[in-house]
All heavy atoms as atom14 arrays in JSON, in Angstrom:
{
  "sequence": "MNYQSEIVTLHDTFIDEMIDSCYTVDKYVIVRNTGRCWAKLHYRK",
  "atom14_mask": [
    [1, 1, 1, 1, 1, 1, 1, 1, 0, 0, 0, 0, 0, 0],
    [1, 1, 1, 1, 1, 1, 1, 1, 0, 0, 0, 0, 0, 0],
    [1, 1, 1, 1, 1, 1, 1, 1, 1, 1, 1, 1, 0, 0],
    [1, 1, 1, 1, 1, 1, 1, 1, 1, 0, 0, 0, 0, 0],
    [1, 1, 1, 1, 1, 1, 0, 0, 0, 0, 0, 0, 0, 0],
    [1, 1, 1, 1, 1, 1, 1, 1, 1, 0, 0, 0, 0, 0],
    [1, 1, 1, 1, 1, 1, 1, 1, 0, 0, 0, 0, 0, 0],
    [1, 1, 1, 1, 1, 1, 1, 0, 0, 0, 0, 0, 0, 0],
    [1, 1, 1, 1, 1, 1, 1, 0, 0, 0, 0, 0, 0, 0],
    [1, 1, 1, 1, 1, 1, 1, 1, 0, 0, 0, 0, 0, 0],
    [1, 1, 1, 1, 1, 1, 1, 1, 1, 1, 0, 0, 0, 0],
    [1, 1, 1, 1, 1, 1, 1, 1, 0, 0, 0, 0, 0, 0],
    [1, 1, 1, 1, 1, 1, 1, 0, 0, 0, 0, 0, 0, 0],
    [1, 1, 1, 1, 1, 1, 1, 1, 1, 1, 1, 0, 0, 0],
    [1, 1, 1, 1, 1, 1, 1, 1, 0, 0, 0, 0, 0, 0],
    [1, 1, 1, 1, 1, 1, 1, 1, 0, 0, 0, 0, 0, 0],
    [1, 1, 1, 1, 1, 1, 1, 1, 1, 0, 0, 0, 0, 0],
    [1, 1, 1, 1, 1, 1, 1, 1, 0, 0, 0, 0, 0, 0],
    [1, 1, 1, 1, 1, 1, 1, 1, 0, 0, 0, 0, 0, 0],
    [1, 1, 1, 1, 1, 1, 1, 1, 0, 0, 0, 0, 0, 0],
    [1, 1, 1, 1, 1, 1, 0, 0, 0, 0, 0, 0, 0, 0],
    [1, 1, 1, 1, 1, 1, 0, 0, 0, 0, 0, 0, 0, 0],
    [1, 1, 1, 1, 1, 1, 1, 1, 1, 1, 1, 1, 0, 0],
    [1, 1, 1, 1, 1, 1, 1, 0, 0, 0, 0, 0, 0, 0],
    [1, 1, 1, 1, 1, 1, 1, 0, 0, 0, 0, 0, 0, 0],
    [1, 1, 1, 1, 1, 1, 1, 1, 0, 0, 0, 0, 0, 0],
    [1, 1, 1, 1, 1, 1, 1, 1, 1, 0, 0, 0, 0, 0],
    [1, 1, 1, 1, 1, 1, 1, 1, 1, 1, 1, 1, 0, 0],
    [1, 1, 1, 1, 1, 1, 1, 0, 0, 0, 0, 0, 0, 0],
    [1, 1, 1, 1, 1, 1, 1, 1, 0, 0, 0, 0, 0, 0],
    [1, 1, 1, 1, 1, 1, 1, 0, 0, 0, 0, 0, 0, 0],
    [1, 1, 1, 1, 1, 1, 1, 1, 1, 1, 1, 0, 0, 0],
    [1, 1, 1, 1, 1, 1, 1, 1, 0, 0, 0, 0, 0, 0],
    [1, 1, 1, 1, 1, 1, 1, 0, 0, 0, 0, 0, 0, 0],
    [1, 1, 1, 1, 0, 0, 0, 0, 0, 0, 0, 0, 0, 0],
    [1, 1, 1, 1, 1, 1, 1, 1, 1, 1, 1, 0, 0, 0],
    [1, 1, 1, 1, 1, 1, 0, 0, 0, 0, 0, 0, 0, 0],
    [1, 1, 1, 1, 1, 1, 1, 1, 1, 1, 1, 1, 1, 1],
    [1, 1, 1, 1, 1, 0, 0, 0, 0, 0, 0, 0, 0, 0],
    [1, 1, 1, 1, 1, 1, 1, 1, 1, 0, 0, 0, 0, 0],
    [1, 1, 1, 1, 1, 1, 1, 1, 0, 0, 0, 0, 0, 0],
    [1, 1, 1, 1, 1, 1, 1, 1, 1, 1, 0, 0, 0, 0],
    [1, 1, 1, 1, 1, 1, 1, 1, 1, 1, 1, 1, 0, 0],
    [1, 1, 1, 1, 1, 1, 1, 1, 1, 1, 1, 0, 0, 0],
    [1, 1, 1, 1, 1, 1, 1, 1, 1, 0, 0, 0, 0, 0]
  ],
  "atom14_positions": [
    [[-20.97, -1.92, -6.15], [-21.02, -0.48, -6.49], [-20.31, -0.17, -7.75], [-19.47, 0.75, -7.82], [-20.48, 0.39, -5.28], [-21.39, 0.21, -4.11], [-20.74, 1.21, -2.73], [-20.63, 2.79, -3.37], [0.0, 0.0, 0.0], [0.0, 0.0, 0.0], [0.0, 0.0, 0.0], [0.0, 0.0, 0.0], [0.0, 0.0, 0.0], [0.0, 0.0, 0.0]],
    [[-20.45, -0.9, -8.76], [-19.84, -0.72, -10.09], [-18.32, -0.83, -10.12], [-17.68, -0.38, -11.01], [-20.3, 0.63, -10.7], [-21.77, 0.78, -10.99], [-22.3, -0.27, -11.33], [-22.3, 1.96, -10.81], [0.0, 0.0, 0.0], [0.0, 0.0, 0.0], [0.0, 0.0, 0.0], [0.0, 0.0, 0.0], [0.0, 0.0, 0.0], [0.0, 0.0, 0.0]],
    [[-17.84, -1.43, -9.11], [-16.37, -1.81, -9.04], [-16.23, -3.25, -9.15], [-16.98, -4.04, -8.63], [-15.71, -1.32, -7.75], [-15.7, 0.19, -7.52], [-16.58, 0.8, -6.67], [-14.84, 1.01, -8.25], [-16.57, 2.17, -6.46], [-14.82, 2.26, -8.07], [-15.66, 2.95, -7.16], [-15.64, 4.29, -6.97], [0.0, 0.0, 0.0], [0.0, 0.0, 0.0]],
    [[-15.19, -3.69, -9.83], [-14.85, -5.14, -9.85], [-13.94, -5.4, -8.59], [-12.82, -4.83, -8.67], [-14.2, -5.49, -11.09], [-13.94, -7.06, -11.18], [-13.43, -7.56, -12.46], [-13.49, -6.72, -13.51], [-12.92, -8.69, -12.52], [0.0, 0.0, 0.0], [0.0, 0.0, 0.0], [0.0, 0.0, 0.0], [0.0, 0.0, 0.0], [0.0, 0.0, 0.0]],
    [[-14.38, -6.14, -7.7], [-13.64, -6.4, -6.41], [-13.24, -7.85, -6.42], [-13.93, -8.69, -7.03], [-14.61, -6.04, -5.25], [-15.02, -4.81, -5.25], [0.0, 0.0, 0.0], [0.0, 0.0, 0.0], [0.0, 0.0, 0.0], [0.0, 0.0, 0.0], [0.0, 0.0, 0.0], [0.0, 0.0, 0.0], [0.0, 0.0, 0.0], [0.0, 0.0, 0.0]],
    [[-12.17, -8.12, -5.71], [-11.79, -9.46, -5.51], [-11.26, -9.57, -4.05], [-10.72, -8.72, -3.54], [-10.71, -9.91, -6.47], [-9.46, -9.02, -6.54], [-8.54, -9.42, -7.6], [-8.43, -10.62, -7.95], [-7.93, -8.47, -8.25], [0.0, 0.0, 0.0], [0.0, 0.0, 0.0], [0.0, 0.0, 0.0], [0.0, 0.0, 0.0], [0.0, 0.0, 0.0]],
    [[-11.67, -10.7, -3.5], [-11.2, -11.06, -2.17], [-9.82, -11.57, -2.23], [-9.56, -12.53, -3.04], [-12.13, -12.08, -1.49], [-13.56, -11.43, -1.35], [-11.61, -12.55, -0.18], [-14.65, -12.32, -0.87], [0.0, 0.0, 0.0], [0.0, 0.0, 0.0], [0.0, 0.0, 0.0], [0.0, 0.0, 0.0], [0.0, 0.0, 0.0], [0.0, 0.0, 0.0]],
    [[-8.86, -11.11, -1.48], [-7.47, -11.46, -1.41], [-7.1, -11.9, 0.02], [-7.72, -11.49, 0.93], [-6.64, -10.32, -1.98], [-6.86, -10.01, -3.44], [-6.76, -9.08, -1.17], [0.0, 0.0, 0.0], [0.0, 0.0, 0.0], [0.0, 0.0, 0.0], [0.0, 0.0, 0.0], [0.0, 0.0, 0.0], [0.0, 0.0, 0.0], [0.0, 0.0, 0.0]],
    [[-6.02, -12.61, 0.07], [-5.41, -13.08, 1.28], [-4.17, -12.22, 1.5], [-3.26, -12.15, 0.65], [-5.05, -14.59, 1.34], [-6.29, -15.25, 0.99], [-4.53, -14.96, 2.66], [0.0, 0.0, 0.0], [0.0, 0.0, 0.0], [0.0, 0.0, 0.0], [0.0, 0.0, 0.0], [0.0, 0.0, 0.0], [0.0, 0.0, 0.0], [0.0, 0.0, 0.0]],
    [[-4.18, -11.48, 2.66], [-3.0, -10.61, 2.95], [-2.28, -11.22, 4.17], [-2.9, -11.51, 5.2], [-3.34, -9.25, 3.18], [-3.92, -8.38, 2.12], [-4.08, -6.94, 2.55], [-3.05, -8.5, 0.89], [0.0, 0.0, 0.0], [0.0, 0.0, 0.0], [0.0, 0.0, 0.0], [0.0, 0.0, 0.0], [0.0, 0.0, 0.0], [0.0, 0.0, 0.0]],
    [[-0.95, -11.5, 4.0], [-0.2, -11.9, 5.17], [0.85, -10.84, 5.45], [1.07, -9.91, 4.69], [0.51, -13.27, 4.75], [-0.35, -14.35, 4.43], [-1.06, -15.05, 5.39], [-0.72, -14.91, 3.27], [-1.81, -15.94, 4.84], [-1.63, -15.96, 3.56], [0.0, 0.0, 0.0], [0.0, 0.0, 0.0], [0.0, 0.0, 0.0], [0.0, 0.0, 0.0]],
    [[1.49, -10.99, 6.56], [2.56, -10.06, 7.0], [3.68, -10.01, 5.87], [4.25, -9.0, 5.71], [3.08, -10.45, 8.31], [2.2, -10.14, 9.46], [1.24, -9.28, 9.28], [2.44, -10.67, 10.54], [0.0, 0.0, 0.0], [0.0, 0.0, 0.0], [0.0, 0.0, 0.0], [0.0, 0.0, 0.0], [0.0, 0.0, 0.0], [0.0, 0.0, 0.0]],
    [[3.89, -11.19, 5.32], [4.95, -11.2, 4.22], [4.58, -10.34, 3.02], [5.39, -9.69, 2.37], [5.26, -12.64, 3.77], [4.06, -13.26, 3.32], [5.85, -13.48, 4.85], [0.0, 0.0, 0.0], [0.0, 0.0, 0.0], [0.0, 0.0, 0.0], [0.0, 0.0, 0.0], [0.0, 0.0, 0.0], [0.0, 0.0, 0.0], [0.0, 0.0, 0.0]],
    [[3.25, -10.2, 2.73], [2.85, -9.33, 1.58], [3.13, -7.97, 1.95], [3.6, -7.2, 1.1], [1.28, -9.52, 1.35], [0.8, -8.56, 0.39], [0.94, -8.75, -1.01], [0.16, -7.4, 0.74], [0.39, -7.86, -1.98], [-0.31, -6.5, -0.19], [-0.21, -6.77, -1.48], [0.0, 0.0, 0.0], [0.0, 0.0, 0.0], [0.0, 0.0, 0.0]],
    [[2.87, -7.52, 3.11], [3.11, -6.12, 3.52], [4.62, -5.89, 3.59], [5.01, -4.83, 3.15], [2.44, -5.87, 5.01], [0.87, -6.02, 4.89], [2.88, -4.48, 5.43], [0.2, -5.9, 6.13], [0.0, 0.0, 0.0], [0.0, 0.0, 0.0], [0.0, 0.0, 0.0], [0.0, 0.0, 0.0], [0.0, 0.0, 0.0], [0.0, 0.0, 0.0]],
    [[5.42, -6.8, 4.04], [6.87, -6.63, 4.03], [7.37, -6.46, 2.65], [8.14, -5.63, 2.31], [7.58, -7.87, 4.74], [7.31, -7.8, 6.21], [6.99, -6.74, 6.76], [7.54, -8.86, 6.82], [0.0, 0.0, 0.0], [0.0, 0.0, 0.0], [0.0, 0.0, 0.0], [0.0, 0.0, 0.0], [0.0, 0.0, 0.0], [0.0, 0.0, 0.0]],
    [[6.87, -7.33, 1.68], [7.33, -7.26, 0.34], [6.83, -5.97, -0.32], [7.51, -5.36, -1.18], [6.79, -8.46, -0.49], [7.51, -9.74, -0.05], [6.93, -11.0, -0.63], [5.78, -10.85, -1.35], [7.28, -12.13, -0.35], [0.0, 0.0, 0.0], [0.0, 0.0, 0.0], [0.0, 0.0, 0.0], [0.0, 0.0, 0.0], [0.0, 0.0, 0.0]],
    [[5.68, -5.53, 0.0], [5.13, -4.21, -0.54], [6.05, -3.06, -0.05], [6.34, -2.2, -0.92], [3.72, -4.05, 0.01], [3.06, -2.78, -0.31], [1.42, -2.6, 0.35], [1.76, -2.44, 2.1], [0.0, 0.0, 0.0], [0.0, 0.0, 0.0], [0.0, 0.0, 0.0], [0.0, 0.0, 0.0], [0.0, 0.0, 0.0], [0.0, 0.0, 0.0]],
    [[6.38, -3.04, 1.2], [7.28, -2.01, 1.63], [8.66, -2.02, 0.89], [9.17, -1.03, 0.53], [7.48, -2.06, 3.18], [6.15, -1.81, 3.89], [8.51, -0.99, 3.67], [5.42, -0.55, 3.58], [0.0, 0.0, 0.0], [0.0, 0.0, 0.0], [0.0, 0.0, 0.0], [0.0, 0.0, 0.0], [0.0, 0.0, 0.0], [0.0, 0.0, 0.0]],
    [[9.24, -3.21, 0.81], [10.45, -3.41, 0.07], [10.35, -2.89, -1.32], [11.26, -2.23, -1.81], [10.93, -4.87, 0.01], [11.38, -5.37, 1.38], [11.86, -4.62, 2.15], [11.26, -6.64, 1.59], [0.0, 0.0, 0.0], [0.0, 0.0, 0.0], [0.0, 0.0, 0.0], [0.0, 0.0, 0.0], [0.0, 0.0, 0.0], [0.0, 0.0, 0.0]],
    [[9.27, -3.19, -2.03], [9.09, -2.7, -3.44], [8.92, -1.28, -3.51], [9.43, -0.56, -4.39], [8.0, -3.42, -4.08], [6.72, -3.06, -3.59], [0.0, 0.0, 0.0], [0.0, 0.0, 0.0], [0.0, 0.0, 0.0], [0.0, 0.0, 0.0], [0.0, 0.0, 0.0], [0.0, 0.0, 0.0], [0.0, 0.0, 0.0], [0.0, 0.0, 0.0]],
    [[8.26, -0.69, -2.51], [8.01, 0.9, -2.55], [9.27, 1.57, -2.11], [9.44, 2.71, -2.49], [6.95, 1.21, -1.55], [5.27, 0.66, -2.1], [0.0, 0.0, 0.0], [0.0, 0.0, 0.0], [0.0, 0.0, 0.0], [0.0, 0.0, 0.0], [0.0, 0.0, 0.0], [0.0, 0.0, 0.0], [0.0, 0.0, 0.0], [0.0, 0.0, 0.0]],
    [[10.22, 0.9, -1.5], [11.48, 1.49, -1.02], [12.54, 1.37, -2.17], [13.33, 2.32, -2.39], [12.06, 0.75, 0.15], [13.11, 1.51, 0.86], [12.87, 2.53, 1.75], [14.41, 1.11, 0.7], [13.82, 3.28, 2.32], [15.44, 1.78, 1.33], [15.14, 2.87, 2.17], [16.22, 3.61, 2.81], [0.0, 0.0, 0.0], [0.0, 0.0, 0.0]],
    [[12.46, 0.32, -3.03], [13.53, 0.07, -3.95], [13.07, 0.3, -5.46], [13.85, 0.5, -6.32], [14.06, -1.35, -3.81], [13.04, -2.25, -4.02], [14.77, -1.48, -2.53], [0.0, 0.0, 0.0], [0.0, 0.0, 0.0], [0.0, 0.0, 0.0], [0.0, 0.0, 0.0], [0.0, 0.0, 0.0], [0.0, 0.0, 0.0], [0.0, 0.0, 0.0]],
    [[11.77, 0.21, -5.68], [11.23, 0.32, -7.04], [10.26, 1.47, -7.05], [9.86, 1.91, -6.03], [10.49, -1.0, -7.43], [9.93, -0.95, -8.81], [11.42, -2.21, -7.22], [0.0, 0.0, 0.0], [0.0, 0.0, 0.0], [0.0, 0.0, 0.0], [0.0, 0.0, 0.0], [0.0, 0.0, 0.0], [0.0, 0.0, 0.0], [0.0, 0.0, 0.0]],
    [[9.93, 2.0, -8.21], [8.99, 3.12, -8.32], [7.59, 2.69, -8.12], [6.79, 2.8, -9.06], [9.34, 3.77, -9.79], [8.57, 5.18, -9.78], [8.32, 5.72, -8.74], [8.4, 5.62, -10.9], [0.0, 0.0, 0.0], [0.0, 0.0, 0.0], [0.0, 0.0, 0.0], [0.0, 0.0, 0.0], [0.0, 0.0, 0.0], [0.0, 0.0, 0.0]],
    [[7.25, 2.34, -6.89], [5.91, 2.02, -6.56], [5.53, 2.81, -5.27], [6.39, 3.47, -4.69], [5.73, 0.51, -6.23], [5.87, -0.32, -7.52], [5.53, -1.77, -7.24], [5.73, -2.55, -8.49], [5.23, -3.89, -8.32], [0.0, 0.0, 0.0], [0.0, 0.0, 0.0], [0.0, 0.0, 0.0], [0.0, 0.0, 0.0], [0.0, 0.0, 0.0]],
    [[4.27, 2.79, -4.83], [3.83, 3.64, -3.72], [2.85, 2.85, -2.82], [2.17, 1.98, -3.33], [3.28, 4.94, -4.13], [1.85, 4.77, -4.86], [0.7, 4.88, -4.12], [1.84, 4.45, -6.27], [-0.5, 4.67, -4.73], [0.56, 4.26, -6.82], [-0.6, 4.41, -6.04], [-1.84, 4.23, -6.72], [0.0, 0.0, 0.0], [0.0, 0.0, 0.0]],
    [[2.77, 3.25, -1.7], [1.66, 2.82, -0.72], [1.29, 4.05, 0.07], [2.03, 4.91, 0.46], [2.2, 1.67, 0.21], [3.33, 2.12, 1.08], [1.05, 1.15, 1.07], [0.0, 0.0, 0.0], [0.0, 0.0, 0.0], [0.0, 0.0, 0.0], [0.0, 0.0, 0.0], [0.0, 0.0, 0.0], [0.0, 0.0, 0.0], [0.0, 0.0, 0.0]],
    [[-0.07, 4.13, 0.28], [-0.65, 5.23, 1.12], [-1.66, 4.6, 2.05], [-2.44, 3.85, 1.71], [-1.36, 6.22, 0.12], [-0.43, 6.86, -0.91], [-2.06, 7.36, 0.99], [-1.22, 7.73, -1.88], [0.0, 0.0, 0.0], [0.0, 0.0, 0.0], [0.0, 0.0, 0.0], [0.0, 0.0, 0.0], [0.0, 0.0, 0.0], [0.0, 0.0, 0.0]],
    [[-1.57, 5.08, 3.31], [-2.54, 4.64, 4.3], [-3.14, 6.0, 4.8], [-2.49, 6.91, 5.16], [-1.91, 3.95, 5.5], [-2.99, 3.55, 6.58], [-1.13, 2.7, 5.1], [0.0, 0.0, 0.0], [0.0, 0.0, 0.0], [0.0, 0.0, 0.0], [0.0, 0.0, 0.0], [0.0, 0.0, 0.0], [0.0, 0.0, 0.0], [0.0, 0.0, 0.0]],
    [[-4.55, 5.97, 4.75], [-5.24, 7.14, 5.11], [-6.15, 6.86, 6.35], [-6.72, 5.71, 6.41], [-6.12, 7.7, 4.01], [-5.37, 8.12, 2.74], [-6.38, 8.66, 1.73], [-5.69, 9.14, 0.61], [-5.36, 8.35, -0.47], [-5.67, 7.09, -0.51], [-4.72, 8.95, -1.46], [0.0, 0.0, 0.0], [0.0, 0.0, 0.0], [0.0, 0.0, 0.0]],
    [[-6.32, 7.77, 7.25], [-7.41, 7.59, 8.22], [-8.7, 8.14, 7.74], [-8.78, 8.65, 6.59], [-6.93, 8.19, 9.61], [-7.0, 9.71, 9.58], [-7.22, 10.36, 8.64], [-6.65, 10.25, 10.77], [0.0, 0.0, 0.0], [0.0, 0.0, 0.0], [0.0, 0.0, 0.0], [0.0, 0.0, 0.0], [0.0, 0.0, 0.0], [0.0, 0.0, 0.0]],
    [[-9.71, 8.26, 8.55], [-10.98, 8.79, 8.01], [-10.98, 10.38, 7.95], [-11.86, 10.89, 7.37], [-12.11, 8.29, 8.98], [-11.79, 8.72, 10.3], [-12.26, 6.79, 8.88], [0.0, 0.0, 0.0], [0.0, 0.0, 0.0], [0.0, 0.0, 0.0], [0.0, 0.0, 0.0], [0.0, 0.0, 0.0], [0.0, 0.0, 0.0], [0.0, 0.0, 0.0]],
    [[-9.97, 10.94, 8.51], [-9.88, 12.4, 8.39], [-8.9, 12.89, 7.34], [-8.82, 12.27, 6.19], [0.0, 0.0, 0.0], [0.0, 0.0, 0.0], [0.0, 0.0, 0.0], [0.0, 0.0, 0.0], [0.0, 0.0, 0.0], [0.0, 0.0, 0.0], [0.0, 0.0, 0.0], [0.0, 0.0, 0.0], [0.0, 0.0, 0.0], [0.0, 0.0, 0.0]],
    [[-8.05, 13.81, 7.65], [-7.1, 14.27, 6.67], [-5.69, 13.8, 6.81], [-4.78, 14.3, 6.13], [-7.22, 15.86, 6.64], [-6.69, 16.45, 7.93], [-6.75, 17.93, 7.8], [-6.31, 18.49, 9.07], [-6.41, 19.72, 9.4], [-6.95, 20.57, 8.57], [-5.93, 20.09, 10.57], [0.0, 0.0, 0.0], [0.0, 0.0, 0.0], [0.0, 0.0, 0.0]],
    [[-5.42, 12.92, 7.74], [-4.09, 12.41, 7.96], [-3.81, 11.22, 7.02], [-4.7, 10.45, 6.79], [-3.99, 11.94, 9.42], [-4.29, 13.33, 10.58], [0.0, 0.0, 0.0], [0.0, 0.0, 0.0], [0.0, 0.0, 0.0], [0.0, 0.0, 0.0], [0.0, 0.0, 0.0], [0.0, 0.0, 0.0], [0.0, 0.0, 0.0], [0.0, 0.0, 0.0]],
    [[-2.58, 11.11, 6.63], [-2.15, 9.94, 5.8], [-0.69, 9.8, 5.94], [0.13, 10.61, 6.47], [-2.49, 10.29, 4.3], [-2.1, 11.57, 3.79], [-2.9, 12.73, 3.73], [-0.82, 11.96, 3.32], [-2.22, 13.79, 3.2], [-0.9, 13.29, 2.91], [0.37, 11.28, 3.1], [0.26, 14.01, 2.42], [1.45, 12.03, 2.55], [1.36, 13.3, 2.23]],
    [[-0.18, 8.59, 5.5], [1.24, 8.33, 5.38], [1.47, 7.67, 4.04], [0.74, 6.87, 3.55], [1.66, 7.34, 6.52], [0.0, 0.0, 0.0], [0.0, 0.0, 0.0], [0.0, 0.0, 0.0], [0.0, 0.0, 0.0], [0.0, 0.0, 0.0], [0.0, 0.0, 0.0], [0.0, 0.0, 0.0], [0.0, 0.0, 0.0], [0.0, 0.0, 0.0]],
    [[2.6, 8.03, 3.39], [2.91, 7.61, 2.01], [4.42, 7.22, 1.96], [5.21, 7.95, 2.5], [2.55, 8.73, 1.05], [2.93, 8.5, -0.4], [2.54, 9.57, -1.31], [3.37, 10.75, -1.07], [3.04, 11.93, -1.93], [0.0, 0.0, 0.0], [0.0, 0.0, 0.0], [0.0, 0.0, 0.0], [0.0, 0.0, 0.0], [0.0, 0.0, 0.0]],
    [[4.68, 6.16, 1.2], [6.01, 5.74, 0.91], [6.04, 5.59, -0.59], [5.22, 4.83, -1.22], [6.41, 4.44, 1.55], [7.76, 3.86, 1.2], [8.89, 4.79, 1.6], [7.97, 2.52, 1.81], [0.0, 0.0, 0.0], [0.0, 0.0, 0.0], [0.0, 0.0, 0.0], [0.0, 0.0, 0.0], [0.0, 0.0, 0.0], [0.0, 0.0, 0.0]],
    [[6.94, 6.4, -1.16], [7.12, 6.37, -2.65], [8.56, 6.47, -2.99], [9.14, 7.47, -2.85], [6.23, 7.46, -3.31], [6.42, 7.52, -4.75], [6.79, 8.61, -5.48], [6.31, 6.53, -5.76], [6.88, 8.35, -6.77], [6.52, 7.1, -6.97], [0.0, 0.0, 0.0], [0.0, 0.0, 0.0], [0.0, 0.0, 0.0], [0.0, 0.0, 0.0]],
    [[9.2, 5.34, -3.46], [10.51, 5.31, -3.9], [11.45, 6.03, -2.87], [12.15, 6.97, -3.2], [10.69, 5.91, -5.3], [11.99, 5.45, -5.99], [12.18, 4.13, -6.16], [12.83, 6.43, -6.45], [13.38, 3.69, -6.76], [13.99, 5.99, -7.07], [14.27, 4.64, -7.22], [15.39, 4.26, -7.91], [0.0, 0.0, 0.0], [0.0, 0.0, 0.0]],
    [[11.51, 5.38, -1.66], [12.31, 5.82, -0.56], [11.99, 7.12, 0.14], [12.59, 7.55, 1.06], [13.82, 5.95, -0.93], [14.47, 4.65, -1.33], [15.9, 4.88, -1.63], [16.43, 3.49, -1.97], [17.42, 3.33, -2.63], [18.2, 4.34, -3.09], [17.87, 2.12, -2.98], [0.0, 0.0, 0.0], [0.0, 0.0, 0.0], [0.0, 0.0, 0.0]],
    [[10.93, 7.8, -0.34], [10.45, 9.09, 0.27], [9.24, 8.73, 1.2], [8.23, 8.4, 0.67], [10.18, 10.09, -0.78], [11.34, 10.62, -1.48], [10.93, 11.42, -2.73], [10.12, 12.65, -2.34], [9.81, 13.5, -3.53], [0.0, 0.0, 0.0], [0.0, 0.0, 0.0], [0.0, 0.0, 0.0], [0.0, 0.0, 0.0], [0.0, 0.0, 0.0]]
  ]
}
């Protein structure tokens, strides 16, 4: 669909490192459901 996609391997360690980086560095993670609910972590917030 006009996007360049790549297949990646995600392990629990990737998610742990992602949370660590969003907590200590200026990065973010957002998880959305199919409705209007979401959760976001951005630099300790």
